[in-house]
Amino acid sequence: MNNKRNQHVVPHADGWAVKGAGSERATKVVDTQREAINIAKGIAQKQGTEMLIHGENGRIRERNSYGNDPYPPKG
């Protein structure tokens, strides 16, 4: 089974959470979005996946890919 999951930075009752895609539980909960982004970026870079940053409204506001995407993208 593939453990590589895109990492999401999402608002949380206690601040900001880093969650793997499809996970119910947060990988880590921190006080600031900046801290959560740094953690998610590290995981995504290590796994070669994407990091998706959600705003306070829950909508995705930014995404960064750390995979081996073909350049230029096909299609």
PDB file of N, CA and C in Angstrom:
ATOM      1  N   MET A   1       0.836  -1.197   0.000  1.00  0.00           N
ATOM      2  CA  MET A   1       0.000   0.000   0.000  1.00  0.00           C
ATOM      3  C   MET A   1       0.874   1.251   0.000  1.00  0.00           C
ATOM      4  N   ASN A   2       0.441   2.253  -0.732  1.00  0.00           N
ATOM      5  CA  ASN A   2       1.201   3.490  -0.849  1.00  0.00           C
ATOM      6  C   ASN A   2       0.874   4.429   0.309  1.00  0.00           C
ATOM      7  N   ASN A   3       1.883   4.774   1.103  1.00  0.00           N
ATOM      8  CA  ASN A   3       1.681   5.666   2.237  1.00  0.00           C
ATOM      9  C   ASN A   3       1.807   7.133   1.884  1.00  0.00           C
ATOM     10  N   LYS A   4       2.165   7.415   0.653  1.00  0.00           N
ATOM     11  CA  LYS A   4       2.361   8.798   0.260  1.00  0.00           C
ATOM     12  C   LYS A   4       1.017   9.489   0.114  1.00  0.00           C
ATOM     13  N   ARG A   5       0.847  10.555   0.860  1.00  0.00           N
ATOM     14  CA  ARG A   5      -0.409  11.302   0.816  1.00  0.00           C
ATOM     15  C   ARG A   5      -0.113  12.776   0.659  1.00  0.00           C
ATOM     16  N   ASN A   6      -0.962  13.455  -0.105  1.00  0.00           N
ATOM     17  CA  ASN A   6      -0.861  14.902  -0.160  1.00  0.00           C
ATOM     18  C   ASN A   6      -1.103  15.446   1.244  1.00  0.00           C
ATOM     19  N   GLN A   7      -0.394  16.500   1.595  1.00  0.00           N
ATOM     20  CA  GLN A   7      -0.496  17.095   2.919  1.00  0.00           C
ATOM     21  C   GLN A   7      -1.361  18.340   2.861  1.00  0.00           C
ATOM     22  N   HIS A   8      -2.330  18.420   3.765  1.00  0.00           N
ATOM     23  CA  HIS A   8      -3.236  19.560   3.817  1.00  0.00           C
ATOM     24  C   HIS A   8      -2.983  20.360   5.082  1.00  0.00           C
ATOM     25  N   VAL A   9      -2.913  21.690   4.939  1.00  0.00           N
ATOM     26  CA  VAL A   9      -2.839  22.600   6.076  1.00  0.00           C
ATOM     27  C   VAL A   9      -4.246  23.163   6.221  1.00  0.00           C
ATOM     28  N   VAL A  10      -4.892  22.856   7.349  1.00  0.00           N
ATOM     29  CA  VAL A  10      -6.296  23.217   7.535  1.00  0.00           C
ATOM     30  C   VAL A  10      -6.527  23.901   8.881  1.00  0.00           C
ATOM     31  N   PRO A  11      -7.552  24.772   8.943  1.00  0.00           N
ATOM     32  CA  PRO A  11      -7.894  25.385  10.229  1.00  0.00           C
ATOM     33  C   PRO A  11      -8.319  24.310  11.226  1.00  0.00           C
ATOM     34  N   HIS A  12      -8.008  24.518  12.500  1.00  0.00           N
ATOM     35  CA  HIS A  12      -8.314  23.558  13.560  1.00  0.00           C
ATOM     36  C   HIS A  12      -8.768  24.343  14.781  1.00  0.00           C
ATOM     37  N   ALA A  13      -9.576  23.726  15.626  1.00  0.00           N
ATOM     38  CA  ALA A  13     -10.067  24.396  16.834  1.00  0.00           C
ATOM     39  C   ALA A  13      -8.928  24.950  17.687  1.00  0.00           C
ATOM     40  N   ASP A  14      -7.773  24.285  17.664  1.00  0.00           N
ATOM     41  CA  ASP A  14      -6.637  24.713  18.477  1.00  0.00           C
ATOM     42  C   ASP A  14      -5.575  25.450  17.665  1.00  0.00           C
ATOM     43  N   GLY A  15      -5.914  25.914  16.478  1.00  0.00           N
ATOM     44  CA  GLY A  15      -4.949  26.634  15.650  1.00  0.00           C
ATOM     45  C   GLY A  15      -5.002  26.137  14.219  1.00  0.00           C
ATOM     46  N   TRP A  16      -3.937  25.458  13.801  1.00  0.00           N
ATOM     47  CA  TRP A  16      -3.836  24.919  12.442  1.00  0.00           C
ATOM     48  C   TRP A  16      -3.366  23.480  12.509  1.00  0.00           C
ATOM     49  N   ALA A  17      -3.860  22.665  11.584  1.00  0.00           N
ATOM     50  CA  ALA A  17      -3.504  21.253  11.577  1.00  0.00           C
ATOM     51  C   ALA A  17      -2.867  20.868  10.245  1.00  0.00           C
ATOM     52  N   VAL A  18      -1.984  19.886  10.321  1.00  0.00           N
ATOM     53  CA  VAL A  18      -1.424  19.246   9.138  1.00  0.00           C
ATOM     54  C   VAL A  18      -2.088  17.880   9.064  1.00  0.00           C
ATOM     55  N   LYS A  19      -2.710  17.579   7.926  1.00  0.00           N
ATOM     56  CA  LYS A  19      -3.404  16.305   7.765  1.00  0.00           C
ATOM     57  C   LYS A  19      -3.002  15.653   6.449  1.00  0.00           C
ATOM     58  N   GLY A  20      -2.804  14.363   6.482  1.00  0.00           N
ATOM     59  CA  GLY A  20      -2.609  13.611   5.251  1.00  0.00           C
ATOM     60  C   GLY A  20      -3.959  13.452   4.574  1.00  0.00           C
ATOM     61  N   ALA A  21      -3.986  13.482   3.253  1.00  0.00           N
ATOM     62  CA  ALA A  21      -5.238  13.341   2.513  1.00  0.00           C
ATOM     63  C   ALA A  21      -5.947  12.062   2.935  1.00  0.00           C
ATOM     64  N   GLY A  22      -7.232  12.159   3.214  1.00  0.00           N
ATOM     65  CA  GLY A  22      -8.022  10.993   3.581  1.00  0.00           C
ATOM     66  C   GLY A  22      -7.920  10.614   5.040  1.00  0.00           C
ATOM     67  N   SER A  23      -7.111  11.324   5.811  1.00  0.00           N
ATOM     68  CA  SER A  23      -6.971  11.021   7.238  1.00  0.00           C
ATOM     69  C   SER A  23      -8.003  11.775   8.045  1.00  0.00           C
ATOM     70  N   GLU A  24      -8.584  11.107   9.014  1.00  0.00           N
ATOM     71  CA  GLU A  24      -9.499  11.769   9.932  1.00  0.00           C
ATOM     72  C   GLU A  24      -8.718  12.586  10.954  1.00  0.00           C
ATOM     73  N   ARG A  25      -7.617  12.014  11.424  1.00  0.00           N
ATOM     74  CA  ARG A  25      -6.844  12.649  12.486  1.00  0.00           C
ATOM     75  C   ARG A  25      -5.718  13.493  11.913  1.00  0.00           C
ATOM     76  N   ALA A  26      -5.437  14.582  12.600  1.00  0.00           N
ATOM     77  CA  ALA A  26      -4.343  15.458  12.189  1.00  0.00           C
ATOM     78  C   ALA A  26      -3.012  14.794  12.505  1.00  0.00           C
ATOM     79  N   THR A  27      -2.040  14.991  11.636  1.00  0.00           N
ATOM     80  CA  THR A  27      -0.679  14.527  11.886  1.00  0.00           C
ATOM     81  C   THR A  27      -0.082  15.368  13.002  1.00  0.00           C
ATOM     82  N   LYS A  28      -0.361  16.678  12.963  1.00  0.00           N
ATOM     83  CA  LYS A  28       0.196  17.613  13.936  1.00  0.00           C
ATOM     84  C   LYS A  28      -0.720  18.828  14.019  1.00  0.00           C
ATOM     85  N   VAL A  29      -0.916  19.358  15.227  1.00  0.00           N
ATOM     86  CA  VAL A  29      -1.685  20.587  15.424  1.00  0.00           C
ATOM     87  C   VAL A  29      -0.751  21.614  16.055  1.00  0.00           C
ATOM     88  N   VAL A  30      -0.716  22.811  15.469  1.00  0.00           N
ATOM     89  CA  VAL A  30       0.174  23.881  15.940  1.00  0.00           C
ATOM     90  C   VAL A  30      -0.598  25.195  16.034  1.00  0.00           C
ATOM     91  N   ASP A  31       0.044  26.214  16.605  1.00  0.00           N
ATOM     92  CA  ASP A  31      -0.621  27.503  16.831  1.00  0.00           C
ATOM     93  C   ASP A  31      -0.803  28.338  15.577  1.00  0.00           C
ATOM     94  N   THR A  32       0.192  28.312  14.685  1.00  0.00           N
ATOM     95  CA  THR A  32       0.146  29.221  13.537  1.00  0.00           C
ATOM     96  C   THR A  32       0.101  28.481  12.212  1.00  0.00           C
ATOM     97  N   GLN A  33      -0.476  29.145  11.218  1.00  0.00           N
ATOM     98  CA  GLN A  33      -0.531  28.564   9.885  1.00  0.00           C
ATOM     99  C   GLN A  33       0.884  28.415   9.332  1.00  0.00           C
ATOM    100  N   ARG A  34       1.747  29.389   9.602  1.00  0.00           N
ATOM    101  CA  ARG A  34       3.118  29.345   9.095  1.00  0.00           C
ATOM    102  C   ARG A  34       3.842  28.089   9.585  1.00  0.00           C
ATOM    103  N   GLU A  35       3.660  27.773  10.859  1.00  0.00           N
ATOM    104  CA  GLU A  35       4.283  26.574  11.439  1.00  0.00           C
ATOM    105  C   GLU A  35       3.741  25.313  10.764  1.00  0.00           C
ATOM    106  N   ALA A  36       2.426  25.278  10.558  1.00  0.00           N
ATOM    107  CA  ALA A  36       1.797  24.122   9.907  1.00  0.00           C
ATOM    108  C   ALA A  36       2.307  23.967   8.478  1.00  0.00           C
ATOM    109  N   ILE A  37       2.472  25.093   7.770  1.00  0.00           N
ATOM    110  CA  ILE A  37       2.972  25.052   6.392  1.00  0.00           C
ATOM    111  C   ILE A  37       4.382  24.475   6.364  1.00  0.00           C
ATOM    112  N   ASN A  38       5.227  24.907   7.300  1.00  0.00           N
ATOM    113  CA  ASN A  38       6.604  24.398   7.339  1.00  0.00           C
ATOM    114  C   ASN A  38       6.635  22.886   7.562  1.00  0.00           C
ATOM    115  N   ILE A  39       5.781  22.391   8.445  1.00  0.00           N
ATOM    116  CA  ILE A  39       5.724  20.951   8.729  1.00  0.00           C
ATOM    117  C   ILE A  39       5.211  20.194   7.499  1.00  0.00           C
ATOM    118  N   ALA A  40       4.112  20.692   6.921  1.00  0.00           N
ATOM    119  CA  ALA A  40       3.519  20.036   5.753  1.00  0.00           C
ATOM    120  C   ALA A  40       4.487  20.033   4.582  1.00  0.00           C
ATOM    121  N   LYS A  41       5.212  21.132   4.397  1.00  0.00           N
ATOM    122  CA  LYS A  41       6.178  21.225   3.300  1.00  0.00           C
ATOM    123  C   LYS A  41       7.266  20.168   3.464  1.00  0.00           C
ATOM    124  N   GLY A  42       7.763  20.005   4.684  1.00  0.00           N
ATOM    125  CA  GLY A  42       8.793  19.006   4.944  1.00  0.00           C
ATOM    126  C   GLY A  42       8.326  17.601   4.627  1.00  0.00           C
ATOM    127  N   ILE A  43       7.110  17.283   5.031  1.00  0.00           N
ATOM    128  CA  ILE A  43       6.553  15.943   4.769  1.00  0.00           C
ATOM    129  C   ILE A  43       6.356  15.748   3.265  1.00  0.00           C
ATOM    130  N   ALA A  44       5.766  16.746   2.601  1.00  0.00           N
ATOM    131  CA  ALA A  44       5.488  16.645   1.169  1.00  0.00           C
ATOM    132  C   ALA A  44       6.785  16.517   0.368  1.00  0.00           C
ATOM    133  N   GLN A  45       7.814  17.267   0.757  1.00  0.00           N
ATOM    134  CA  GLN A  45       9.089  17.181   0.046  1.00  0.00           C
ATOM    135  C   GLN A  45       9.712  15.803   0.224  1.00  0.00           C
ATOM    136  N   LYS A  46       9.632  15.269   1.436  1.00  0.00           N
ATOM    137  CA  LYS A  46      10.210  13.953   1.721  1.00  0.00           C
ATOM    138  C   LYS A  46       9.477  12.861   0.940  1.00  0.00           C
ATOM    139  N   GLN A  47       8.155  12.988   0.822  1.00  0.00           N
ATOM    140  CA  GLN A  47       7.352  11.958   0.171  1.00  0.00           C
ATOM    141  C   GLN A  47       7.180  12.186  -1.327  1.00  0.00           C
ATOM    142  N   GLY A  48       7.518  13.389  -1.800  1.00  0.00           N
ATOM    143  CA  GLY A  48       7.308  13.706  -3.213  1.00  0.00           C
ATOM    144  C   GLY A  48       5.843  13.856  -3.538  1.00  0.00           C
ATOM    145  N   THR A  49       5.093  14.495  -2.644  1.00  0.00           N
ATOM    146  CA  THR A  49       3.652  14.684  -2.839  1.00  0.00           C
ATOM    147  C   THR A  49       3.336  16.175  -2.899  1.00  0.00           C
ATOM    148  N   GLU A  50       2.066  16.510  -2.804  1.00  0.00           N
ATOM    149  CA  GLU A  50       1.628  17.900  -2.845  1.00  0.00           C
ATOM    150  C   GLU A  50       1.296  18.413  -1.465  1.00  0.00           C
ATOM    151  N   MET A  51       1.450  19.732  -1.282  1.00  0.00           N
ATOM    152  CA  MET A  51       0.985  20.404  -0.077  1.00  0.00           C
ATOM    153  C   MET A  51      -0.118  21.356  -0.498  1.00  0.00           C
ATOM    154  N   LEU A  52      -1.260  21.264   0.162  1.00  0.00           N
ATOM    155  CA  LEU A  52      -2.389  22.141  -0.140  1.00  0.00           C
ATOM    156  C   LEU A  52      -2.687  22.971   1.095  1.00  0.00           C
ATOM    157  N   ILE A  53      -2.687  24.293   0.922  1.00  0.00           N
ATOM    158  CA  ILE A  53      -2.916  25.202   2.035  1.00  0.00           C
ATOM    159  C   ILE A  53      -4.337  25.722   1.952  1.00  0.00           C
ATOM    160  N   HIS A  54      -5.092  25.518   3.016  1.00  0.00           N
ATOM    161  CA  HIS A  54      -6.465  25.990   3.087  1.00  0.00           C
ATOM    162  C   HIS A  54      -6.496  27.301   3.871  1.00  0.00           C
ATOM    163  N   GLY A  55      -7.367  28.208   3.483  1.00  0.00           N
ATOM    164  CA  GLY A  55      -7.555  29.445   4.227  1.00  0.00           C
ATOM    165  C   GLY A  55      -8.446  29.198   5.428  1.00  0.00           C
ATOM    166  N   GLU A  56      -8.711  30.243   6.195  1.00  0.00           N
ATOM    167  CA  GLU A  56      -9.556  30.109   7.386  1.00  0.00           C
ATOM    168  C   GLU A  56     -10.965  29.663   7.037  1.00  0.00           C
ATOM    169  N   ASN A  57     -11.394  29.931   5.792  1.00  0.00           N
ATOM    170  CA  ASN A  57     -12.728  29.518   5.354  1.00  0.00           C
ATOM    171  C   ASN A  57     -12.755  28.063   4.899  1.00  0.00           C
ATOM    172  N   GLY A  58     -11.591  27.397   4.938  1.00  0.00           N
ATOM    173  CA  GLY A  58     -11.530  25.992   4.543  1.00  0.00           C
ATOM    174  C   GLY A  58     -11.239  25.762   3.079  1.00  0.00           C
ATOM    175  N   ARG A  59     -11.326  26.827   2.263  1.00  0.00           N
ATOM    176  CA  ARG A  59     -11.062  26.679   0.830  1.00  0.00           C
ATOM    177  C   ARG A  59      -9.560  26.614   0.561  1.00  0.00           C
ATOM    178  N   ILE A  60      -9.182  25.836  -0.449  1.00  0.00           N
ATOM    179  CA  ILE A  60      -7.775  25.753  -0.839  1.00  0.00           C
ATOM    180  C   ILE A  60      -7.355  27.101  -1.417  1.00  0.00           C
ATOM    181  N   ARG A  61      -6.286  27.679  -0.876  1.00  0.00           N
ATOM    182  CA  ARG A  61      -5.813  28.960  -1.381  1.00  0.00           C
ATOM    183  C   ARG A  61      -4.481  28.850  -2.098  1.00  0.00           C
ATOM    184  N   GLU A  62      -3.797  27.736  -1.903  1.00  0.00           N
ATOM    185  CA  GLU A  62      -2.498  27.566  -2.548  1.00  0.00           C
ATOM    186  C   GLU A  62      -2.161  26.088  -2.568  1.00  0.00           C
ATOM    187  N   ARG A  63      -1.455  25.673  -3.608  1.00  0.00           N
ATOM    188  CA  ARG A  63      -0.970  24.292  -3.645  1.00  0.00           C
ATOM    189  C   ARG A  63       0.431  24.262  -4.228  1.00  0.00           C
ATOM    190  N   ASN A  64       1.259  23.414  -3.669  1.00  0.00           N
ATOM    191  CA  ASN A  64       2.639  23.266  -4.121  1.00  0.00           C
ATOM    192  C   ASN A  64       2.922  21.789  -4.294  1.00  0.00           C
ATOM    193  N   SER A  65       3.509  21.452  -5.432  1.00  0.00           N
ATOM    194  CA  SER A  65       3.821  20.060  -5.712  1.00  0.00           C
ATOM    195  C   SER A  65       5.307  19.813  -5.489  1.00  0.00           C
ATOM    196  N   TYR A  66       5.609  18.737  -4.790  1.00  0.00           N
ATOM    197  CA  TYR A  66       6.992  18.354  -4.549  1.00  0.00           C
ATOM    198  C   TYR A  66       7.299  16.995  -5.165  1.00  0.00           C
ATOM    199  N   GLY A  67       6.449  16.579  -6.110  1.00  0.00           N
ATOM    200  CA  GLY A  67       6.642  15.292  -6.769  1.00  0.00           C
ATOM    201  C   GLY A  67       7.539  15.432  -7.991  1.00  0.00           C
ATOM    202  N   ASN A  68       7.638  14.362  -8.725  1.00  0.00           N
ATOM    203  CA  ASN A  68       8.430  14.373  -9.950  1.00  0.00           C
ATOM    204  C   ASN A  68       7.531  14.651 -11.134  1.00  0.00           C
ATOM    205  N   ASP A  69       6.908  15.825 -11.105  1.00  0.00           N
ATOM    206  CA  ASP A  69       5.999  16.193 -12.175  1.00  0.00           C
ATOM    207  C   ASP A  69       6.775  16.447 -13.462  1.00  0.00           C
ATOM    208  N   PRO A  70       6.231  15.974 -14.588  1.00  0.00           N
ATOM    209  CA  PRO A  70       6.905  16.274 -15.856  1.00  0.00           C
ATOM    210  C   PRO A  70       6.833  17.776 -16.132  1.00  0.00           C
ATOM    211  N   TYR A  71       7.888  18.337 -16.678  1.00  0.00           N
ATOM    212  CA  TYR A  71       7.870  19.747 -17.032  1.00  0.00           C
ATOM    213  C   TYR A  71       8.259  19.869 -18.490  1.00  0.00           C
ATOM    214  N   PRO A  72       7.517  20.547 -19.349  1.00  0.00           N
ATOM    215  CA  PRO A  72       6.226  21.149 -18.991  1.00  0.00           C
ATOM    216  C   PRO A  72       5.156  20.082 -18.791  1.00  0.00           C
ATOM    217  N   PRO A  73       4.092  20.446 -18.060  1.00  0.00           N
ATOM    218  CA  PRO A  73       3.027  19.462 -17.813  1.00  0.00           C
ATOM    219  C   PRO A  73       2.385  19.011 -19.124  1.00  0.00           C
ATOM    220  N   LYS A  74       1.984  17.756 -19.175  1.00  0.00           N
ATOM    221  CA  LYS A  74       1.330  17.214 -20.363  1.00  0.00           C
ATOM    222  C   LYS A  74      -0.139  17.621 -20.342  1.00  0.00           C
ATOM    223  N   GLY A  75      -0.716  17.863 -21.523  1.00  0.00           N
ATOM    224  CA  GLY A  75      -2.140  18.102 -21.616  1.00  0.00           C
ATOM    225  C   GLY A  75      -2.553  19.516 -21.675  1.00  0.00           C
TER     226      GLY A  75
END
